[in-house]
Amino acid sequence: MQDSFKSRESQFEAKFAHDEDVKFKIRAHRNKLFAAWVADQMGDGAPPDYADSLIEFALVSGSPDVIEKALQDLHNHGVALANTKIRKAYHQCEERARLDVMNTLMPTG
């Protein structure tokens, strides 16, 4: 009885660790995609390291903060985009990241 409890406990811990790893990979990939999208919207006026700095910012802060920073940065570079367009792009990047990560985890047959 004790062994089956320990086994179940280990399985739950392993699943939790796996799920957290997958979530982290999705967030990291989403941040990379979104930062590239924002830099692309800036065009040639984007600082060379802008995408990297936005990825770093996203790591430290949450989704609303990174969206607000992107909106402000775009505005500062003279790019007028609606808040809704930026949020839509962010969510599209998240969905793309989820698909990309899940495709790498699924065995190909």
PDB file of N, CA and C in Angstrom:
ATOM      1  N   MET A   1       0.825  -1.197   0.000  1.00  0.00           N
ATOM      2  CA  MET A   1       0.000   0.000   0.000  1.00  0.00           C
ATOM      3  C   MET A   1       0.873   1.266   0.000  1.00  0.00           C
ATOM      4  N   GLN A   2       1.879   1.255   0.840  1.00  0.00           N
ATOM      5  CA  GLN A   2       2.772   2.407   0.929  1.00  0.00           C
ATOM      6  C   GLN A   2       3.534   2.609  -0.388  1.00  0.00           C
ATOM      7  N   ASP A   3       3.927   1.483  -1.020  1.00  0.00           N
ATOM      8  CA  ASP A   3       4.653   1.583  -2.287  1.00  0.00           C
ATOM      9  C   ASP A   3       3.787   2.180  -3.390  1.00  0.00           C
ATOM     10  N   SER A   4       2.509   1.806  -3.438  1.00  0.00           N
ATOM     11  CA  SER A   4       1.631   2.345  -4.478  1.00  0.00           C
ATOM     12  C   SER A   4       1.387   3.839  -4.257  1.00  0.00           C
ATOM     13  N   PHE A   5       1.321   4.245  -2.992  1.00  0.00           N
ATOM     14  CA  PHE A   5       1.159   5.671  -2.704  1.00  0.00           C
ATOM     15  C   PHE A   5       2.394   6.437  -3.157  1.00  0.00           C
ATOM     16  N   LYS A   6       3.575   5.920  -2.829  1.00  0.00           N
ATOM     17  CA  LYS A   6       4.823   6.575  -3.242  1.00  0.00           C
ATOM     18  C   LYS A   6       4.929   6.631  -4.765  1.00  0.00           C
ATOM     19  N   SER A   7       4.509   5.556  -5.418  1.00  0.00           N
ATOM     20  CA  SER A   7       4.547   5.506  -6.878  1.00  0.00           C
ATOM     21  C   SER A   7       3.621   6.563  -7.482  1.00  0.00           C
ATOM     22  N   ARG A   8       2.415   6.666  -6.952  1.00  0.00           N
ATOM     23  CA  ARG A   8       1.467   7.681  -7.438  1.00  0.00           C
ATOM     24  C   ARG A   8       1.984   9.085  -7.191  1.00  0.00           C
ATOM     25  N   GLU A   9       2.568   9.266  -6.017  1.00  0.00           N
ATOM     26  CA  GLU A   9       3.115  10.569  -5.673  1.00  0.00           C
ATOM     27  C   GLU A   9       4.233  10.944  -6.655  1.00  0.00           C
ATOM     28  N   SER A  10       5.095  10.012  -6.970  1.00  0.00           N
ATOM     29  CA  SER A  10       6.180  10.252  -7.924  1.00  0.00           C
ATOM     30  C   SER A  10       5.629  10.567  -9.313  1.00  0.00           C
ATOM     31  N   GLN A  11       4.577   9.860  -9.713  1.00  0.00           N
ATOM     32  CA  GLN A  11       3.967  10.109 -11.010  1.00  0.00           C
ATOM     33  C   GLN A  11       3.368  11.510 -11.076  1.00  0.00           C
ATOM     34  N   PHE A  12       2.680  11.925 -10.014  1.00  0.00           N
ATOM     35  CA  PHE A  12       2.103  13.268  -9.984  1.00  0.00           C
ATOM     36  C   PHE A  12       3.200  14.334 -10.035  1.00  0.00           C
ATOM     37  N   GLU A  13       4.273  14.109  -9.291  1.00  0.00           N
ATOM     38  CA  GLU A  13       5.377  15.070  -9.295  1.00  0.00           C
ATOM     39  C   GLU A  13       6.028  15.158 -10.675  1.00  0.00           C
ATOM     40  N   ALA A  14       6.212  14.015 -11.312  1.00  0.00           N
ATOM     41  CA  ALA A  14       6.810  13.997 -12.652  1.00  0.00           C
ATOM     42  C   ALA A  14       5.903  14.699 -13.649  1.00  0.00           C
ATOM     43  N   LYS A  15       4.592  14.474 -13.551  1.00  0.00           N
ATOM     44  CA  LYS A  15       3.649  15.132 -14.468  1.00  0.00           C
ATOM     45  C   LYS A  15       3.652  16.639 -14.236  1.00  0.00           C
ATOM     46  N   PHE A  16       3.664  17.049 -12.977  1.00  0.00           N
ATOM     47  CA  PHE A  16       3.693  18.474 -12.660  1.00  0.00           C
ATOM     48  C   PHE A  16       4.948  19.124 -13.240  1.00  0.00           C
ATOM     49  N   ALA A  17       6.100  18.481 -13.033  1.00  0.00           N
ATOM     50  CA  ALA A  17       7.360  19.017 -13.547  1.00  0.00           C
ATOM     51  C   ALA A  17       7.327  19.094 -15.080  1.00  0.00           C
ATOM     52  N   HIS A  18       6.788  18.076 -15.720  1.00  0.00           N
ATOM     53  CA  HIS A  18       6.686  18.063 -17.181  1.00  0.00           C
ATOM     54  C   HIS A  18       5.771  19.189 -17.657  1.00  0.00           C
ATOM     55  N   ASP A  19       4.614  19.333 -17.036  1.00  0.00           N
ATOM     56  CA  ASP A  19       3.665  20.383 -17.426  1.00  0.00           C
ATOM     57  C   ASP A  19       4.270  21.775 -17.255  1.00  0.00           C
ATOM     58  N   GLU A  20       4.999  21.990 -16.179  1.00  0.00           N
ATOM     59  CA  GLU A  20       5.631  23.293 -15.952  1.00  0.00           C
ATOM     60  C   GLU A  20       6.713  23.554 -17.001  1.00  0.00           C
ATOM     61  N   ASP A  21       7.449  22.517 -17.376  1.00  0.00           N
ATOM     62  CA  ASP A  21       8.469  22.638 -18.405  1.00  0.00           C
ATOM     63  C   ASP A  21       7.836  23.020 -19.746  1.00  0.00           C
ATOM     64  N   VAL A  22       6.722  22.379 -20.067  1.00  0.00           N
ATOM     65  CA  VAL A  22       6.022  22.683 -21.322  1.00  0.00           C
ATOM     66  C   VAL A  22       5.511  24.121 -21.302  1.00  0.00           C
ATOM     67  N   LYS A  23       4.931  24.545 -20.196  1.00  0.00           N
ATOM     68  CA  LYS A  23       4.436  25.924 -20.083  1.00  0.00           C
ATOM     69  C   LYS A  23       5.576  26.926 -20.262  1.00  0.00           C
ATOM     70  N   PHE A  24       6.716  26.626 -19.649  1.00  0.00           N
ATOM     71  CA  PHE A  24       7.869  27.522 -19.776  1.00  0.00           C
ATOM     72  C   PHE A  24       8.324  27.614 -21.227  1.00  0.00           C
ATOM     73  N   LYS A  25       8.404  26.483 -21.908  1.00  0.00           N
ATOM     74  CA  LYS A  25       8.833  26.472 -23.308  1.00  0.00           C
ATOM     75  C   LYS A  25       7.867  27.266 -24.188  1.00  0.00           C
ATOM     76  N   ILE A  26       6.582  27.124 -23.917  1.00  0.00           N
ATOM     77  CA  ILE A  26       5.575  27.872 -24.690  1.00  0.00           C
ATOM     78  C   ILE A  26       5.737  29.373 -24.451  1.00  0.00           C
ATOM     79  N   ARG A  27       5.870  29.770 -23.187  1.00  0.00           N
ATOM     80  CA  ARG A  27       6.037  31.205 -22.879  1.00  0.00           C
ATOM     81  C   ARG A  27       7.303  31.767 -23.524  1.00  0.00           C
ATOM     82  N   ALA A  28       8.396  31.027 -23.434  1.00  0.00           N
ATOM     83  CA  ALA A  28       9.661  31.502 -23.993  1.00  0.00           C
ATOM     84  C   ALA A  28       9.554  31.652 -25.512  1.00  0.00           C
ATOM     85  N   HIS A  29       8.941  30.682 -26.159  1.00  0.00           N
ATOM     86  CA  HIS A  29       8.790  30.742 -27.620  1.00  0.00           C
ATOM     87  C   HIS A  29       7.826  31.863 -28.013  1.00  0.00           C
ATOM     88  N   ARG A  30       6.738  32.012 -27.251  1.00  0.00           N
ATOM     89  CA  ARG A  30       5.787  33.100 -27.512  1.00  0.00           C
ATOM     90  C   ARG A  30       6.490  34.452 -27.406  1.00  0.00           C
ATOM     91  N   ASN A  31       7.276  34.627 -26.373  1.00  0.00           N
ATOM     92  CA  ASN A  31       7.976  35.894 -26.179  1.00  0.00           C
ATOM     93  C   ASN A  31       8.920  36.185 -27.342  1.00  0.00           C
ATOM     94  N   LYS A  32       9.594  35.150 -27.831  1.00  0.00           N
ATOM     95  CA  LYS A  32      10.505  35.319 -28.964  1.00  0.00           C
ATOM     96  C   LYS A  32       9.735  35.714 -30.225  1.00  0.00           C
ATOM     97  N   LEU A  33       8.623  35.024 -30.481  1.00  0.00           N
ATOM     98  CA  LEU A  33       7.800  35.342 -31.651  1.00  0.00           C
ATOM     99  C   LEU A  33       7.232  36.757 -31.566  1.00  0.00           C
ATOM    100  N   PHE A  34       6.718  37.109 -30.391  1.00  0.00           N
ATOM    101  CA  PHE A  34       6.107  38.434 -30.214  1.00  0.00           C
ATOM    102  C   PHE A  34       7.152  39.543 -30.350  1.00  0.00           C
ATOM    103  N   ALA A  35       8.312  39.345 -29.758  1.00  0.00           N
ATOM    104  CA  ALA A  35       9.373  40.355 -29.838  1.00  0.00           C
ATOM    105  C   ALA A  35       9.799  40.560 -31.298  1.00  0.00           C
ATOM    106  N   ALA A  36       9.880  39.474 -32.037  1.00  0.00           N
ATOM    107  CA  ALA A  36      10.238  39.580 -33.459  1.00  0.00           C
ATOM    108  C   ALA A  36       9.147  40.327 -34.225  1.00  0.00           C
ATOM    109  N   TRP A  37       7.884  40.068 -33.877  1.00  0.00           N
ATOM    110  CA  TRP A  37       6.767  40.744 -34.538  1.00  0.00           C
ATOM    111  C   TRP A  37       6.819  42.247 -34.261  1.00  0.00           C
ATOM    112  N   VAL A  38       7.038  42.601 -32.995  1.00  0.00           N
ATOM    113  CA  VAL A  38       7.084  44.025 -32.632  1.00  0.00           C
ATOM    114  C   VAL A  38       8.242  44.707 -33.353  1.00  0.00           C
ATOM    115  N   ALA A  39       9.412  44.082 -33.349  1.00  0.00           N
ATOM    116  CA  ALA A  39      10.580  44.658 -34.028  1.00  0.00           C
ATOM    117  C   ALA A  39      10.289  44.815 -35.518  1.00  0.00           C
ATOM    118  N   ASP A  40       9.598  43.850 -36.103  1.00  0.00           N
ATOM    119  CA  ASP A  40       9.242  43.920 -37.516  1.00  0.00           C
ATOM    120  C   ASP A  40       8.299  45.093 -37.781  1.00  0.00           C
ATOM    121  N   GLN A  41       7.401  45.368 -36.853  1.00  0.00           N
ATOM    122  CA  GLN A  41       6.473  46.495 -37.013  1.00  0.00           C
ATOM    123  C   GLN A  41       7.219  47.823 -37.003  1.00  0.00           C
ATOM    124  N   MET A  42       8.351  47.863 -36.277  1.00  0.00           N
ATOM    125  CA  MET A  42       9.152  49.091 -36.219  1.00  0.00           C
ATOM    126  C   MET A  42       9.916  49.310 -37.514  1.00  0.00           C
ATOM    127  N   GLY A  43      10.102  48.254 -38.263  1.00  0.00           N
ATOM    128  CA  GLY A  43      10.838  48.366 -39.520  1.00  0.00           C
ATOM    129  C   GLY A  43      12.311  48.633 -39.290  1.00  0.00           C
ATOM    130  N   ASP A  44      12.894  49.404 -40.193  1.00  0.00           N
ATOM    131  CA  ASP A  44      14.327  49.698 -40.120  1.00  0.00           C
ATOM    132  C   ASP A  44      14.691  50.542 -38.901  1.00  0.00           C
ATOM    133  N   GLY A  45      13.709  51.173 -38.286  1.00  0.00           N
ATOM    134  CA  GLY A  45      13.974  52.022 -37.131  1.00  0.00           C
ATOM    135  C   GLY A  45      14.150  51.264 -35.833  1.00  0.00           C
ATOM    136  N   ALA A  46      13.964  49.953 -35.862  1.00  0.00           N
ATOM    137  CA  ALA A  46      14.107  49.151 -34.640  1.00  0.00           C
ATOM    138  C   ALA A  46      15.575  49.053 -34.242  1.00  0.00           C
ATOM    139  N   PRO A  47      15.865  49.285 -32.970  1.00  0.00           N
ATOM    140  CA  PRO A  47      17.245  49.082 -32.513  1.00  0.00           C
ATOM    141  C   PRO A  47      17.657  47.626 -32.770  1.00  0.00           C
ATOM    142  N   PRO A  48      18.926  47.389 -33.100  1.00  0.00           N
ATOM    143  CA  PRO A  48      19.370  46.037 -33.436  1.00  0.00           C
ATOM    144  C   PRO A  48      19.078  44.993 -32.351  1.00  0.00           C
ATOM    145  N   ASP A  49      19.142  45.395 -31.107  1.00  0.00           N
ATOM    146  CA  ASP A  49      18.930  44.448 -30.008  1.00  0.00           C
ATOM    147  C   ASP A  49      17.537  44.573 -29.385  1.00  0.00           C
ATOM    148  N   TYR A  50      16.623  45.227 -30.103  1.00  0.00           N
ATOM    149  CA  TYR A  50      15.299  45.457 -29.519  1.00  0.00           C
ATOM    150  C   TYR A  50      14.582  44.157 -29.146  1.00  0.00           C
ATOM    151  N   ALA A  51      14.544  43.201 -30.056  1.00  0.00           N
ATOM    152  CA  ALA A  51      13.823  41.952 -29.789  1.00  0.00           C
ATOM    153  C   ALA A  51      14.394  41.269 -28.554  1.00  0.00           C
ATOM    154  N   ASP A  52      15.713  41.228 -28.435  1.00  0.00           N
ATOM    155  CA  ASP A  52      16.331  40.601 -27.261  1.00  0.00           C
ATOM    156  C   ASP A  52      15.943  41.321 -25.976  1.00  0.00           C
ATOM    157  N   SER A  53      15.905  42.648 -26.017  1.00  0.00           N
ATOM    158  CA  SER A  53      15.544  43.400 -24.807  1.00  0.00           C
ATOM    159  C   SER A  53      14.075  43.175 -24.433  1.00  0.00           C
ATOM    160  N   LEU A  54      13.209  43.037 -25.434  1.00  0.00           N
ATOM    161  CA  LEU A  54      11.795  42.783 -25.135  1.00  0.00           C
ATOM    162  C   LEU A  54      11.609  41.365 -24.586  1.00  0.00           C
ATOM    163  N   ILE A  55      12.364  40.412 -25.111  1.00  0.00           N
ATOM    164  CA  ILE A  55      12.308  39.039 -24.585  1.00  0.00           C
ATOM    165  C   ILE A  55      12.742  39.032 -23.126  1.00  0.00           C
ATOM    166  N   GLU A  56      13.807  39.747 -22.821  1.00  0.00           N
ATOM    167  CA  GLU A  56      14.303  39.831 -21.448  1.00  0.00           C
ATOM    168  C   GLU A  56      13.255  40.479 -20.537  1.00  0.00           C
ATOM    169  N   PHE A  57      12.647  41.551 -21.015  1.00  0.00           N
ATOM    170  CA  PHE A  57      11.605  42.234 -20.248  1.00  0.00           C
ATOM    171  C   PHE A  57      10.442  41.288 -19.981  1.00  0.00           C
ATOM    172  N   ALA A  58      10.048  40.521 -20.985  1.00  0.00           N
ATOM    173  CA  ALA A  58       8.925  39.596 -20.856  1.00  0.00           C
ATOM    174  C   ALA A  58       9.216  38.505 -19.831  1.00  0.00           C
ATOM    175  N   LEU A  59      10.460  38.091 -19.733  1.00  0.00           N
ATOM    176  CA  LEU A  59      10.844  37.069 -18.760  1.00  0.00           C
ATOM    177  C   LEU A  59      10.611  37.550 -17.337  1.00  0.00           C
ATOM    178  N   VAL A  60      10.897  38.821 -17.112  1.00  0.00           N
ATOM    179  CA  VAL A  60      10.790  39.387 -15.769  1.00  0.00           C
ATOM    180  C   VAL A  60       9.368  39.811 -15.428  1.00  0.00           C
ATOM    181  N   SER A  61       8.638  40.289 -16.408  1.00  0.00           N
ATOM    182  CA  SER A  61       7.292  40.808 -16.148  1.00  0.00           C
ATOM    183  C   SER A  61       6.242  39.878 -16.743  1.00  0.00           C
ATOM    184  N   GLY A  62       5.000  40.228 -16.567  1.00  0.00           N
ATOM    185  CA  GLY A  62       3.917  39.401 -17.080  1.00  0.00           C
ATOM    186  C   GLY A  62       3.382  39.876 -18.414  1.00  0.00           C
ATOM    187  N   SER A  63       2.392  39.171 -18.916  1.00  0.00           N
ATOM    188  CA  SER A  63       1.797  39.464 -20.218  1.00  0.00           C
ATOM    189  C   SER A  63       1.309  40.899 -20.357  1.00  0.00           C
ATOM    190  N   PRO A  64       0.516  41.407 -19.407  1.00  0.00           N
ATOM    191  CA  PRO A  64       0.006  42.777 -19.599  1.00  0.00           C
ATOM    192  C   PRO A  64       1.136  43.797 -19.701  1.00  0.00           C
ATOM    193  N   ASP A  65       2.202  43.591 -18.916  1.00  0.00           N
ATOM    194  CA  ASP A  65       3.315  44.542 -18.936  1.00  0.00           C
ATOM    195  C   ASP A  65       4.048  44.523 -20.269  1.00  0.00           C
ATOM    196  N   VAL A  66       4.270  43.336 -20.826  1.00  0.00           N
ATOM    197  CA  VAL A  66       5.016  43.247 -22.083  1.00  0.00           C
ATOM    198  C   VAL A  66       4.186  43.830 -23.237  1.00  0.00           C
ATOM    199  N   ILE A  67       2.885  43.651 -23.178  1.00  0.00           N
ATOM    200  CA  ILE A  67       2.020  44.228 -24.209  1.00  0.00           C
ATOM    201  C   ILE A  67       2.038  45.753 -24.102  1.00  0.00           C
ATOM    202  N   GLU A  68       1.956  46.264 -22.894  1.00  0.00           N
ATOM    203  CA  GLU A  68       1.990  47.714 -22.691  1.00  0.00           C
ATOM    204  C   GLU A  68       3.336  48.297 -23.120  1.00  0.00           C
ATOM    205  N   LYS A  69       4.424  47.585 -22.798  1.00  0.00           N
ATOM    206  CA  LYS A  69       5.750  48.058 -23.208  1.00  0.00           C
ATOM    207  C   LYS A  69       5.851  48.069 -24.733  1.00  0.00           C
ATOM    208  N   ALA A  70       5.376  47.026 -25.369  1.00  0.00           N
ATOM    209  CA  ALA A  70       5.417  46.976 -26.835  1.00  0.00           C
ATOM    210  C   ALA A  70       4.615  48.129 -27.431  1.00  0.00           C
ATOM    211  N   LEU A  71       3.448  48.378 -26.881  1.00  0.00           N
ATOM    212  CA  LEU A  71       2.600  49.475 -27.352  1.00  0.00           C
ATOM    213  C   LEU A  71       3.323  50.811 -27.211  1.00  0.00           C
ATOM    214  N   GLN A  72       3.943  51.023 -26.062  1.00  0.00           N
ATOM    215  CA  GLN A  72       4.670  52.269 -25.818  1.00  0.00           C
ATOM    216  C   GLN A  72       5.890  52.387 -26.734  1.00  0.00           C
ATOM    217  N   ASP A  73       6.620  51.288 -26.881  1.00  0.00           N
ATOM    218  CA  ASP A  73       7.803  51.311 -27.745  1.00  0.00           C
ATOM    219  C   ASP A  73       7.426  51.602 -29.193  1.00  0.00           C
ATOM    220  N   LEU A  74       6.353  50.990 -29.647  1.00  0.00           N
ATOM    221  CA  LEU A  74       5.891  51.244 -31.018  1.00  0.00           C
ATOM    222  C   LEU A  74       5.507  52.715 -31.173  1.00  0.00           C
ATOM    223  N   HIS A  75       4.775  53.233 -30.202  1.00  0.00           N
ATOM    224  CA  HIS A  75       4.370  54.638 -30.226  1.00  0.00           C
ATOM    225  C   HIS A  75       5.609  55.543 -30.270  1.00  0.00           C
ATOM    226  N   ASN A  76       6.613  55.214 -29.443  1.00  0.00           N
ATOM    227  CA  ASN A  76       7.845  56.015 -29.396  1.00  0.00           C
ATOM    228  C   ASN A  76       8.601  55.983 -30.723  1.00  0.00           C
ATOM    229  N   HIS A  77       8.395  54.940 -31.500  1.00  0.00           N
ATOM    230  CA  HIS A  77       9.053  54.837 -32.808  1.00  0.00           C
ATOM    231  C   HIS A  77       8.144  55.323 -33.940  1.00  0.00           C
ATOM    232  N   GLY A  78       7.048  55.966 -33.571  1.00  0.00           N
ATOM    233  CA  GLY A  78       6.164  56.552 -34.576  1.00  0.00           C
ATOM    234  C   GLY A  78       5.277  55.551 -35.284  1.00  0.00           C
ATOM    235  N   VAL A  79       5.100  54.380 -34.692  1.00  0.00           N
ATOM    236  CA  VAL A  79       4.244  53.352 -35.288  1.00  0.00           C
ATOM    237  C   VAL A  79       2.919  53.365 -34.536  1.00  0.00           C
ATOM    238  N   ALA A  80       1.864  53.727 -35.235  1.00  0.00           N
ATOM    239  CA  ALA A  80       0.547  53.802 -34.615  1.00  0.00           C
ATOM    240  C   ALA A  80      -0.229  52.503 -34.885  1.00  0.00           C
ATOM    241  N   LEU A  81      -0.327  51.687 -33.867  1.00  0.00           N
ATOM    242  CA  LEU A  81      -1.113  50.455 -33.952  1.00  0.00           C
ATOM    243  C   LEU A  81      -2.117  50.449 -32.820  1.00  0.00           C
ATOM    244  N   ALA A  82      -3.289  49.943 -33.102  1.00  0.00           N
ATOM    245  CA  ALA A  82      -4.323  49.847 -32.071  1.00  0.00           C
ATOM    246  C   ALA A  82      -3.926  48.808 -31.025  1.00  0.00           C
ATOM    247  N   ASN A  83      -4.301  49.090 -29.809  1.00  0.00           N
ATOM    248  CA  ASN A  83      -4.070  48.169 -28.696  1.00  0.00           C
ATOM    249  C   ASN A  83      -4.616  46.782 -29.032  1.00  0.00           C
ATOM    250  N   THR A  84      -5.781  46.750 -29.660  1.00  0.00           N
ATOM    251  CA  THR A  84      -6.396  45.455 -29.984  1.00  0.00           C
ATOM    252  C   THR A  84      -5.560  44.678 -31.002  1.00  0.00           C
ATOM    253  N   LYS A  85      -4.922  45.377 -31.928  1.00  0.00           N
ATOM    254  CA  LYS A  85      -4.090  44.697 -32.926  1.00  0.00           C
ATOM    255  C   LYS A  85      -2.867  44.071 -32.256  1.00  0.00           C
ATOM    256  N   ILE A  86      -2.280  44.785 -31.322  1.00  0.00           N
ATOM    257  CA  ILE A  86      -1.111  44.264 -30.610  1.00  0.00           C
ATOM    258  C   ILE A  86      -1.506  43.065 -29.755  1.00  0.00           C
ATOM    259  N   ARG A  87      -2.629  43.168 -29.059  1.00  0.00           N
ATOM    260  CA  ARG A  87      -3.096  42.040 -28.239  1.00  0.00           C
ATOM    261  C   ARG A  87      -3.416  40.825 -29.105  1.00  0.00           C
ATOM    262  N   LYS A  88      -4.005  41.068 -30.262  1.00  0.00           N
ATOM    263  CA  LYS A  88      -4.312  39.966 -31.175  1.00  0.00           C
ATOM    264  C   LYS A  88      -3.023  39.289 -31.641  1.00  0.00           C
ATOM    265  N   ALA A  89      -2.025  40.091 -31.985  1.00  0.00           N
ATOM    266  CA  ALA A  89      -0.732  39.541 -32.416  1.00  0.00           C
ATOM    267  C   ALA A  89      -0.097  38.731 -31.286  1.00  0.00           C
ATOM    268  N   TYR A  90      -0.192  39.241 -30.063  1.00  0.00           N
ATOM    269  CA  TYR A  90       0.364  38.546 -28.900  1.00  0.00           C
ATOM    270  C   TYR A  90      -0.299  37.178 -28.742  1.00  0.00           C
ATOM    271  N   HIS A  91      -1.609  37.144 -28.839  1.00  0.00           N
ATOM    272  CA  HIS A  91      -2.343  35.879 -28.680  1.00  0.00           C
ATOM    273  C   HIS A  91      -2.079  34.932 -29.855  1.00  0.00           C
ATOM    274  N   GLN A  92      -1.888  35.481 -31.041  1.00  0.00           N
ATOM    275  CA  GLN A  92      -1.528  34.635 -32.184  1.00  0.00           C
ATOM    276  C   GLN A  92      -0.134  34.034 -31.993  1.00  0.00           C
ATOM    277  N   CYS A  93       0.769  34.813 -31.437  1.00  0.00           N
ATOM    278  CA  CYS A  93       2.115  34.306 -31.149  1.00  0.00           C
ATOM    279  C   CYS A  93       2.049  33.201 -30.089  1.00  0.00           C
ATOM    280  N   GLU A  94       1.166  33.391 -29.112  1.00  0.00           N
ATOM    281  CA  GLU A  94       1.014  32.367 -28.073  1.00  0.00           C
ATOM    282  C   GLU A  94       0.463  31.067 -28.664  1.00  0.00           C
ATOM    283  N   GLU A  95      -0.521  31.182 -29.527  1.00  0.00           N
ATOM    284  CA  GLU A  95      -1.099  29.983 -30.151  1.00  0.00           C
ATOM    285  C   GLU A  95      -0.067  29.300 -31.048  1.00  0.00           C
ATOM    286  N   ARG A  96       0.678  30.093 -31.800  1.00  0.00           N
ATOM    287  CA  ARG A  96       1.721  29.532 -32.665  1.00  0.00           C
ATOM    288  C   ARG A  96       2.788  28.822 -31.822  1.00  0.00           C
ATOM    289  N   ALA A  97       3.160  29.452 -30.711  1.00  0.00           N
ATOM    290  CA  ALA A  97       4.159  28.860 -29.819  1.00  0.00           C
ATOM    291  C   ALA A  97       3.650  27.539 -29.243  1.00  0.00           C
ATOM    292  N   ARG A  98       2.385  27.513 -28.848  1.00  0.00           N
ATOM    293  CA  ARG A  98       1.792  26.287 -28.295  1.00  0.00           C
ATOM    294  C   ARG A  98       1.844  25.166 -29.339  1.00  0.00           C
ATOM    295  N   LEU A  99       1.461  25.478 -30.565  1.00  0.00           N
ATOM    296  CA  LEU A  99       1.498  24.477 -31.631  1.00  0.00           C
ATOM    297  C   LEU A  99       2.923  24.010 -31.906  1.00  0.00           C
ATOM    298  N   ASP A 100       3.844  24.948 -31.986  1.00  0.00           N
ATOM    299  CA  ASP A 100       5.238  24.588 -32.255  1.00  0.00           C
ATOM    300  C   ASP A 100       5.804  23.682 -31.164  1.00  0.00           C
ATOM    301  N   VAL A 101       5.572  24.052 -29.912  1.00  0.00           N
ATOM    302  CA  VAL A 101       6.105  23.262 -28.800  1.00  0.00           C
ATOM    303  C   VAL A 101       5.448  21.894 -28.748  1.00  0.00           C
ATOM    304  N   MET A 102       4.145  21.857 -28.911  1.00  0.00           N
ATOM    305  CA  MET A 102       3.455  20.572 -28.853  1.00  0.00           C
ATOM    306  C   MET A 102       3.888  19.672 -30.012  1.00  0.00           C
ATOM    307  N   ASN A 103       4.148  20.248 -31.179  1.00  0.00           N
ATOM    308  CA  ASN A 103       4.622  19.458 -32.315  1.00  0.00           C
ATOM    309  C   ASN A 103       6.002  18.875 -32.051  1.00  0.00           C
ATOM    310  N   THR A 104       6.840  19.591 -31.306  1.00  0.00           N
ATOM    311  CA  THR A 104       8.160  19.048 -31.002  1.00  0.00           C
ATOM    312  C   THR A 104       8.080  17.938 -29.957  1.00  0.00           C
ATOM    313  N   LEU A 105       7.023  17.954 -29.143  1.00  0.00           N
ATOM    314  CA  LEU A 105       6.874  16.922 -28.107  1.00  0.00           C
ATOM    315  C   LEU A 105       6.203  15.660 -28.614  1.00  0.00           C
ATOM    316  N   MET A 106       5.449  15.790 -29.680  1.00  0.00           N
ATOM    317  CA  MET A 106       4.716  14.633 -30.220  1.00  0.00           C
ATOM    318  C   MET A 106       5.630  13.830 -31.134  1.00  0.00           C
ATOM    319  N   PRO A 107       5.651  12.542 -30.946  1.00  0.00           N
ATOM    320  CA  PRO A 107       6.481  11.728 -31.826  1.00  0.00           C
ATOM    321  C   PRO A 107       5.915  11.720 -33.235  1.00  0.00           C
ATOM    322  N   THR A 108       6.805  11.817 -34.202  1.00  0.00           N
ATOM    323  CA  THR A 108       6.361  11.764 -35.587  1.00  0.00           C
ATOM    324  C   THR A 108       6.379  10.311 -36.042  1.00  0.00           C
ATOM    325  N   GLY A 109       5.382   9.945 -36.787  1.00  0.00           N
ATOM    326  CA  GLY A 109       5.241   8.545 -37.153  1.00  0.00           C
ATOM    327  C   GLY A 109       5.419   8.348 -38.535  1.00  0.00           C
TER     328      GLY A 109
END
